[in-house]
Protein backbone atom coordinates (compact mmCIF):
# COMPACT_ATOMS: atom_id res chain seq x y z
CA MET A 1 -0.02 0.01 0.00
CA SER A 2 2.83 2.43 0.71
CA ASP A 3 4.26 1.80 -2.80
CA ASP A 4 0.98 2.79 -4.36
CA PHE A 5 0.74 5.85 -2.18
CA SER A 6 4.28 7.06 -3.05
CA ALA A 7 3.69 6.39 -6.80
CA PHE A 8 0.54 8.47 -6.60
CA TRP A 9 2.50 11.40 -5.10
CA VAL A 10 5.29 11.12 -7.67
CA ILE A 11 2.77 11.16 -10.53
CA SER A 12 0.88 14.06 -8.96
CA ILE A 13 4.02 16.16 -8.52
CA ILE A 14 5.30 15.48 -12.07
CA SER A 15 1.89 16.29 -13.62
CA SER A 16 1.67 19.49 -11.54
CA LEU A 17 5.09 20.60 -12.71
CA ILE A 18 4.10 19.94 -16.35
CA VAL A 19 0.89 21.95 -15.99
CA ALA A 20 2.81 24.77 -14.28
CA ALA A 21 5.36 24.84 -17.09
CA LEU A 22 2.59 24.96 -19.72
CA LEU A 23 0.83 27.81 -17.87
CA GLY A 24 4.18 29.65 -17.75
CA LEU A 25 4.19 29.51 -21.58
CA VAL A 26 1.15 31.68 -21.64
CA THR A 27 2.79 34.52 -19.67
CA GLY A 28 6.01 34.12 -21.60
CA ALA A 29 4.25 34.35 -24.98
CA ILE A 30 2.27 37.42 -23.97
CA ALA A 31 5.36 39.13 -22.59
CA GLU A 32 7.35 38.40 -25.70
CA LYS A 33 4.59 39.90 -27.85
CA LYS A 34 4.71 43.03 -25.70
CA GLY A 35 8.50 43.29 -25.92
CA GLY A 36 9.44 41.54 -22.65
CA ASP A 37 11.85 38.73 -22.09
CA PHE A 38 10.15 35.38 -22.76
CA PHE A 39 12.34 33.23 -20.48
CA VAL A 40 12.05 35.50 -17.42
CA TRP A 41 8.21 35.73 -17.76
CA TRP A 42 8.05 31.97 -18.42
CA ILE A 43 9.86 31.27 -15.12
CA PHE A 44 7.70 33.82 -13.32
CA GLY A 45 4.52 32.38 -14.86
CA THR A 46 5.58 28.84 -13.95
CA LEU A 47 6.23 29.65 -10.35
CA MET A 48 3.42 32.17 -9.69
CA PHE A 49 0.91 32.09 -12.58
CA ILE A 50 -1.89 33.79 -10.63
CA VAL A 51 0.32 36.81 -10.01
CA ALA A 52 2.23 36.77 -13.34
CA LEU A 53 -0.79 36.74 -15.67
CA PRO A 54 -2.37 39.98 -14.44
CA MET A 55 1.09 41.62 -14.33
CA VAL A 56 1.97 40.67 -17.90
CA LEU A 57 -1.53 41.71 -19.10
CA PHE A 58 -1.84 45.07 -17.32
CA VAL A 59 1.52 46.15 -16.03
CA LEU A 60 3.96 45.29 -18.86
CA ASP A 61 3.71 48.03 -21.50
CA ALA A 62 3.70 47.20 -25.14
CA LYS A 63 6.69 48.10 -27.27
CA PRO A 64 6.60 51.78 -28.15
CA ILE A 65 5.92 52.31 -31.83
CA HIS A 66 8.56 54.50 -33.34
CA ASP A 67 7.75 56.55 -36.35
CA ARG A 68 9.63 59.06 -38.36
CA SER A 69 8.17 62.01 -36.46
CA MET A 70 10.03 60.72 -33.39
CA GLY A 71 13.31 60.64 -35.34
CA ILE A 72 13.57 56.81 -35.44
CA LYS A 73 13.09 54.45 -38.38
CA ASN A 74 13.63 50.79 -39.04
CA CYS A 75 16.13 49.51 -41.60
CA PRO A 76 14.15 48.01 -44.49
CA TYR A 77 16.73 45.15 -44.72
CA CYS A 78 17.30 44.03 -41.15
CA SER A 79 14.68 45.95 -39.11
CA CYS A 80 17.29 47.51 -36.87
CA GLN A 81 16.07 50.73 -35.23
CA MET A 82 18.15 53.81 -36.04
CA LYS A 83 17.92 57.59 -36.30
CA THR A 84 16.26 58.92 -39.42
CA ALA A 85 19.30 61.02 -40.29
CA VAL A 86 21.56 57.95 -40.52
CA MET A 87 21.99 56.91 -44.14
CA LYS A 88 23.84 53.64 -43.43
CA CYS A 89 22.48 50.96 -41.11
CA PRO A 90 24.81 50.37 -38.11
CA ASP A 91 23.77 46.72 -37.96
CA CYS A 92 23.90 45.48 -41.56
CA ASN A 93 25.93 48.40 -43.03
CA ARG A 94 23.59 48.77 -46.02
CA ALA A 95 22.86 52.16 -47.51
CA GLN A 96 19.33 53.40 -46.80
CA PRO A 97 17.03 54.37 -49.68
CA GLU A 98 16.37 58.05 -49.83
CA ILE A 99 12.80 59.15 -49.58
CA GLY A 100 12.68 62.40 -51.39
CA SER A 101 9.88 64.87 -52.03
CA ALA A 102 7.59 64.42 -55.03
CA THR A 103 9.04 65.75 -58.26
CA HIS A 104 7.31 67.08 -61.32
CA ALA A 105 8.21 63.87 -63.17
CA SER A 106 6.56 61.66 -60.53
CA TRP A 107 3.39 63.76 -60.68
CA GLN A 108 3.40 63.38 -64.49
CA LYS A 109 3.56 59.62 -64.17
CA ILE A 110 0.55 59.66 -61.83
CA ARG A 111 -1.45 61.86 -64.18
CA THR A 112 -0.49 59.70 -67.18
CA ALA A 113 -1.62 56.59 -65.30
CA ASP A 114 -4.89 58.23 -64.43
CA ASP A 115 -5.43 59.16 -68.04
CA GLU A 116 -4.66 55.56 -69.14
CA VAL A 117 -7.20 54.23 -66.67
CA ALA A 118 -9.80 56.70 -67.87
CA LYS A 119 -9.12 55.69 -71.47
CA TRP A 120 -9.36 51.97 -70.67
CA ALA A 121 -12.70 52.58 -68.82
CA LYS A 122 -14.09 54.51 -71.77
CA GLU A 123 -13.12 51.72 -74.19
CA LYS A 124 -14.87 49.16 -71.96
CA GLY A 125 -17.90 51.35 -71.51
CA LEU A 126 -17.29 51.65 -67.79
CA ASP A 127 -16.99 55.44 -67.64
CA ASP A 128 -20.74 56.00 -67.17
CA ASP A 129 -21.74 57.69 -63.96
CA THR A 130 -25.13 56.11 -64.28
CA PRO A 131 -25.54 52.81 -62.38
CA ASP A 132 -26.54 49.71 -64.28
CA THR A 133 -30.11 48.61 -63.65
């Protein structure tokens, strides 16, 4: 009888540890999505899930979204964050494409494309403003 009793406790403890580790994955995944460290939050969630879950949901702030108005951009090649004035990525050392202002030539291309669309619509008989009934 004592062998059955000790086997029951061993199985109970192992299954409890497995469930705790799986619950810790929940807090780790949420934290990683918000910019936190997965492993730290996984350990915290495994040991104290009831405390870790509300903390990761409500206390941990999401990653701040940087945009060009804040002076920060992402490299289009490696996604490294850098200042907008930098023309070469410090991580992958690739030159950054310049985003210039619209030129007269670019506006001409847009107008030509619009004219071609209007011409195509007229050929197909789709330029009517009257709805088909």
